[in-house]
Amino acid sequence: MRKILIISLLACMALAAYAEDVVYLTTDQFRERVFDFRASKEWAYKGDKPCVIDFYTTWCGPCKRLAPIMDELSQIYCGEIVFYKVDTERERELAYVFGINSIPQVLYIPVEGKPALLKGLMPKENIVRIIDEFLLKRDAAKTDTKTDTKTNN
């Protein structure tokens, strides 16, 4: 029994090492990793995986409720989707470029094609559906399995 517990613990630790956390972006990092809006007006995503960018501020109540959802989804979609956060008060130029005038707003960026910017706090199930259908091009029936794996927020 002890061996099983030790093996289970080691397996969990190994998986945690590969889990991706939400990455906080500055404007310069955005230009390097996502899109250089100063160099080009035509959208050209630089990433090799779809990404989700949460535009937020530290004092925003709905932003605080969205944060744990994004953290959880970054673990669920580890290796498939990159999750970023942008503090609109610190990164004002980036907020201006995307016309962020209310928060939270979430930018969903597929590898190919134009991104979609959606306003407001959405239930986790809606975010999962957007990720599966828009970013990963999966069947809508499969989205339910992602939301059932963890407690709904």
C-alpha atoms as a PDB file:
ATOM      1  CA  MET A   1       0.000   0.000   0.000  1.00  0.00           C
ATOM      2  CA  ARG A   2       2.828   2.376   0.844  1.00  0.00           C
ATOM      3  CA  LYS A   3       4.447   1.761  -2.565  1.00  0.00           C
ATOM      4  CA  ILE A   4       1.208   2.648  -4.330  1.00  0.00           C
ATOM      5  CA  LEU A   5       0.928   5.910  -2.414  1.00  0.00           C
ATOM      6  CA  ILE A   6       4.532   6.844  -3.156  1.00  0.00           C
ATOM      7  CA  ILE A   7       4.129   6.045  -6.859  1.00  0.00           C
ATOM      8  CA  SER A   8       0.887   8.041  -6.991  1.00  0.00           C
ATOM      9  CA  LEU A   9       2.522  11.004  -5.295  1.00  0.00           C
ATOM     10  CA  LEU A  10       5.485  10.926  -7.682  1.00  0.00           C
ATOM     11  CA  ALA A  11       3.158  10.694 -10.681  1.00  0.00           C
ATOM     12  CA  CYS A  12       1.181  13.724  -9.473  1.00  0.00           C
ATOM     13  CA  MET A  13       4.373  15.693  -8.938  1.00  0.00           C
ATOM     14  CA  ALA A  14       5.591  14.803 -12.430  1.00  0.00           C
ATOM     15  CA  LEU A  15       2.306  15.929 -13.996  1.00  0.00           C
ATOM     16  CA  ALA A  16       2.367  19.172 -12.022  1.00  0.00           C
ATOM     17  CA  ALA A  17       5.826  19.928 -13.386  1.00  0.00           C
ATOM     18  CA  TYR A  18       4.398  19.853 -16.912  1.00  0.00           C
ATOM     19  CA  ALA A  19       1.266  21.868 -16.108  1.00  0.00           C
ATOM     20  CA  GLU A  20       1.180  25.326 -17.590  1.00  0.00           C
ATOM     21  CA  ASP A  21       0.177  28.287 -15.504  1.00  0.00           C
ATOM     22  CA  VAL A  22      -1.389  31.497 -16.688  1.00  0.00           C
ATOM     23  CA  VAL A  23       1.379  33.847 -17.887  1.00  0.00           C
ATOM     24  CA  TYR A  24       1.243  37.572 -17.124  1.00  0.00           C
ATOM     25  CA  LEU A  25       2.137  39.599 -20.234  1.00  0.00           C
ATOM     26  CA  THR A  26       3.634  43.028 -20.656  1.00  0.00           C
ATOM     27  CA  THR A  27       3.094  44.956 -23.864  1.00  0.00           C
ATOM     28  CA  ASP A  28       6.600  44.070 -25.085  1.00  0.00           C
ATOM     29  CA  GLN A  29       6.051  40.374 -24.346  1.00  0.00           C
ATOM     30  CA  PHE A  30       2.717  40.552 -26.172  1.00  0.00           C
ATOM     31  CA  ARG A  31       4.485  41.991 -29.212  1.00  0.00           C
ATOM     32  CA  GLU A  32       7.096  39.190 -29.072  1.00  0.00           C
ATOM     33  CA  ARG A  33       4.777  36.237 -28.440  1.00  0.00           C
ATOM     34  CA  VAL A  34       1.391  37.181 -29.852  1.00  0.00           C
ATOM     35  CA  PHE A  35       1.317  40.051 -32.362  1.00  0.00           C
ATOM     36  CA  ASP A  36       3.540  43.048 -33.037  1.00  0.00           C
ATOM     37  CA  PHE A  37       0.920  45.739 -33.596  1.00  0.00           C
ATOM     38  CA  ARG A  38       3.597  48.405 -34.039  1.00  0.00           C
ATOM     39  CA  ALA A  39       5.232  46.605 -36.966  1.00  0.00           C
ATOM     40  CA  SER A  40       2.057  45.530 -38.765  1.00  0.00           C
ATOM     41  CA  LYS A  41      -1.587  46.516 -38.999  1.00  0.00           C
ATOM     42  CA  GLU A  42      -2.561  43.149 -40.547  1.00  0.00           C
ATOM     43  CA  TRP A  43      -3.241  40.511 -37.871  1.00  0.00           C
ATOM     44  CA  ALA A  44      -0.560  37.779 -37.804  1.00  0.00           C
ATOM     45  CA  TYR A  45      -0.468  35.553 -34.741  1.00  0.00           C
ATOM     46  CA  LYS A  46       3.067  34.487 -33.758  1.00  0.00           C
ATOM     47  CA  GLY A  47       2.161  31.491 -31.589  1.00  0.00           C
ATOM     48  CA  ASP A  48       2.073  27.820 -32.527  1.00  0.00           C
ATOM     49  CA  LYS A  49      -0.847  27.034 -30.151  1.00  0.00           C
ATOM     50  CA  PRO A  50      -4.117  28.910 -29.740  1.00  0.00           C
ATOM     51  CA  CYS A  51      -4.195  31.300 -26.813  1.00  0.00           C
ATOM     52  CA  VAL A  52      -6.607  32.998 -24.448  1.00  0.00           C
ATOM     53  CA  ILE A  53      -5.820  36.454 -23.076  1.00  0.00           C
ATOM     54  CA  ASP A  54      -7.677  37.726 -20.024  1.00  0.00           C
ATOM     55  CA  PHE A  55      -7.670  41.544 -19.824  1.00  0.00           C
ATOM     56  CA  TYR A  56      -8.247  42.473 -16.175  1.00  0.00           C
ATOM     57  CA  THR A  57      -7.464  44.839 -13.307  1.00  0.00           C
ATOM     58  CA  THR A  58      -6.670  43.982  -9.716  1.00  0.00           C
ATOM     59  CA  TRP A  59      -9.673  45.833  -8.233  1.00  0.00           C
ATOM     60  CA  CYS A  60     -12.339  44.355 -10.554  1.00  0.00           C
ATOM     61  CA  GLY A  61     -14.776  41.961  -8.832  1.00  0.00           C
ATOM     62  CA  PRO A  62     -15.791  40.007 -11.967  1.00  0.00           C
ATOM     63  CA  CYS A  63     -12.085  39.760 -12.902  1.00  0.00           C
ATOM     64  CA  LYS A  64     -11.382  38.182  -9.519  1.00  0.00           C
ATOM     65  CA  ARG A  65     -14.137  35.620 -10.140  1.00  0.00           C
ATOM     66  CA  LEU A  66     -12.762  34.854 -13.616  1.00  0.00           C
ATOM     67  CA  ALA A  67      -9.165  34.320 -12.424  1.00  0.00           C
ATOM     68  CA  PRO A  68      -9.646  30.883 -10.802  1.00  0.00           C
ATOM     69  CA  ILE A  69     -11.622  29.709 -13.831  1.00  0.00           C
ATOM     70  CA  MET A  70      -8.733  30.669 -16.112  1.00  0.00           C
ATOM     71  CA  ASP A  71      -6.247  29.033 -13.738  1.00  0.00           C
ATOM     72  CA  GLU A  72      -8.261  25.804 -13.792  1.00  0.00           C
ATOM     73  CA  LEU A  73      -8.670  25.842 -17.569  1.00  0.00           C
ATOM     74  CA  SER A  74      -4.935  26.439 -18.023  1.00  0.00           C
ATOM     75  CA  GLN A  75      -4.387  23.131 -16.227  1.00  0.00           C
ATOM     76  CA  ILE A  76      -7.126  21.282 -18.135  1.00  0.00           C
ATOM     77  CA  TYR A  77      -5.899  22.513 -21.533  1.00  0.00           C
ATOM     78  CA  CYS A  78      -2.219  22.206 -20.645  1.00  0.00           C
ATOM     79  CA  GLY A  79      -0.213  21.712 -23.834  1.00  0.00           C
ATOM     80  CA  GLU A  80      -3.121  22.677 -26.110  1.00  0.00           C
ATOM     81  CA  ILE A  81      -3.863  26.319 -25.260  1.00  0.00           C
ATOM     82  CA  VAL A  82      -1.661  29.079 -23.838  1.00  0.00           C
ATOM     83  CA  PHE A  83      -3.348  31.282 -21.223  1.00  0.00           C
ATOM     84  CA  TYR A  84      -2.217  34.868 -20.685  1.00  0.00           C
ATOM     85  CA  LYS A  85      -3.319  37.741 -18.444  1.00  0.00           C
ATOM     86  CA  VAL A  86      -2.868  41.451 -19.136  1.00  0.00           C
ATOM     87  CA  ASP A  87      -3.307  44.038 -16.381  1.00  0.00           C
ATOM     88  CA  THR A  88      -4.980  46.897 -18.248  1.00  0.00           C
ATOM     89  CA  GLU A  89      -3.833  49.494 -15.712  1.00  0.00           C
ATOM     90  CA  ARG A  90      -0.178  48.558 -16.150  1.00  0.00           C
ATOM     91  CA  GLU A  91      -0.350  47.860 -19.888  1.00  0.00           C
ATOM     92  CA  ARG A  92      -2.386  50.848 -21.036  1.00  0.00           C
ATOM     93  CA  GLU A  93      -1.004  50.856 -24.571  1.00  0.00           C
ATOM     94  CA  LEU A  94      -2.100  47.265 -25.096  1.00  0.00           C
ATOM     95  CA  ALA A  95      -5.518  47.980 -23.602  1.00  0.00           C
ATOM     96  CA  TYR A  96      -5.851  50.967 -25.951  1.00  0.00           C
ATOM     97  CA  VAL A  97      -4.855  48.943 -29.026  1.00  0.00           C
ATOM     98  CA  PHE A  98      -7.660  46.446 -28.341  1.00  0.00           C
ATOM     99  CA  GLY A  99     -10.182  49.069 -27.247  1.00  0.00           C
ATOM    100  CA  ILE A 100     -10.539  47.621 -23.761  1.00  0.00           C
ATOM    101  CA  ASN A 101     -13.011  50.002 -22.131  1.00  0.00           C
ATOM    102  CA  SER A 102     -14.659  47.585 -19.704  1.00  0.00           C
ATOM    103  CA  ILE A 103     -13.364  44.525 -17.922  1.00  0.00           C
ATOM    104  CA  PRO A 104     -13.060  41.647 -17.898  1.00  0.00           C
ATOM    105  CA  GLN A 105     -12.587  41.088 -21.596  1.00  0.00           C
ATOM    106  CA  VAL A 106     -11.143  37.906 -23.025  1.00  0.00           C
ATOM    107  CA  LEU A 107      -9.349  37.612 -26.349  1.00  0.00           C
ATOM    108  CA  TYR A 108      -9.538  34.163 -27.971  1.00  0.00           C
ATOM    109  CA  ILE A 109      -6.816  33.701 -30.595  1.00  0.00           C
ATOM    110  CA  PRO A 110      -6.815  30.707 -32.953  1.00  0.00           C
ATOM    111  CA  VAL A 111      -3.570  29.674 -34.645  1.00  0.00           C
ATOM    112  CA  GLU A 112      -5.079  30.664 -37.998  1.00  0.00           C
ATOM    113  CA  GLY A 113      -7.719  33.298 -38.570  1.00  0.00           C
ATOM    114  CA  LYS A 114      -8.883  36.360 -36.704  1.00  0.00           C
ATOM    115  CA  PRO A 115      -9.205  36.551 -32.921  1.00  0.00           C
ATOM    116  CA  ALA A 116     -12.476  37.132 -31.058  1.00  0.00           C
ATOM    117  CA  LEU A 117     -12.731  39.629 -28.183  1.00  0.00           C
ATOM    118  CA  LEU A 118     -15.633  38.982 -25.799  1.00  0.00           C
ATOM    119  CA  LYS A 119     -16.761  41.263 -22.965  1.00  0.00           C
ATOM    120  CA  GLY A 120     -17.887  40.342 -19.491  1.00  0.00           C
ATOM    121  CA  LEU A 121     -17.723  37.441 -17.077  1.00  0.00           C
ATOM    122  CA  MET A 122     -18.979  34.198 -18.597  1.00  0.00           C
ATOM    123  CA  PRO A 123     -19.721  30.875 -16.967  1.00  0.00           C
ATOM    124  CA  LYS A 124     -16.935  28.318 -17.248  1.00  0.00           C
ATOM    125  CA  GLU A 125     -19.105  26.140 -19.516  1.00  0.00           C
ATOM    126  CA  ASN A 126     -19.345  28.963 -22.073  1.00  0.00           C
ATOM    127  CA  ILE A 127     -15.591  29.539 -22.005  1.00  0.00           C
ATOM    128  CA  VAL A 128     -14.962  25.807 -22.487  1.00  0.00           C
ATOM    129  CA  ARG A 129     -17.369  25.773 -25.437  1.00  0.00           C
ATOM    130  CA  ILE A 130     -15.589  28.739 -27.048  1.00  0.00           C
ATOM    131  CA  ILE A 131     -12.194  27.096 -26.530  1.00  0.00           C
ATOM    132  CA  ASP A 132     -13.328  23.729 -27.883  1.00  0.00           C
ATOM    133  CA  GLU A 133     -15.347  24.996 -30.843  1.00  0.00           C
ATOM    134  CA  PHE A 134     -13.533  28.198 -31.853  1.00  0.00           C
ATOM    135  CA  LEU A 135      -9.922  27.523 -30.883  1.00  0.00           C
ATOM    136  CA  LEU A 136      -9.623  23.727 -31.069  1.00  0.00           C
ATOM    137  CA  LYS A 137     -12.376  23.083 -33.650  1.00  0.00           C
ATOM    138  CA  ARG A 138     -13.848  20.238 -31.589  1.00  0.00           C
ATOM    139  CA  ASP A 139     -17.391  18.929 -31.652  1.00  0.00           C
ATOM    140  CA  ALA A 140     -19.735  20.692 -29.194  1.00  0.00           C
ATOM    141  CA  ALA A 141     -20.803  17.344 -27.672  1.00  0.00           C
ATOM    142  CA  LYS A 142     -17.261  16.835 -26.365  1.00  0.00           C
ATOM    143  CA  THR A 143     -17.236  20.119 -24.454  1.00  0.00           C
ATOM    144  CA  ASP A 144     -19.335  18.668 -21.641  1.00  0.00           C
ATOM    145  CA  THR A 145     -16.556  16.282 -20.631  1.00  0.00           C
ATOM    146  CA  LYS A 146     -14.188  19.200 -19.915  1.00  0.00           C
ATOM    147  CA  THR A 147     -16.632  21.005 -17.634  1.00  0.00           C
ATOM    148  CA  ASP A 148     -17.513  17.830 -15.744  1.00  0.00           C
ATOM    149  CA  THR A 149     -13.871  17.039 -14.881  1.00  0.00           C
ATOM    150  CA  LYS A 150     -13.718  19.760 -12.246  1.00  0.00           C
ATOM    151  CA  THR A 151     -16.205  21.494 -10.022  1.00  0.00           C
ATOM    152  CA  ASN A 152     -18.127  24.127 -11.971  1.00  0.00           C
ATOM    153  CA  ASN A 153     -17.466  27.734 -10.977  1.00  0.00           C
END
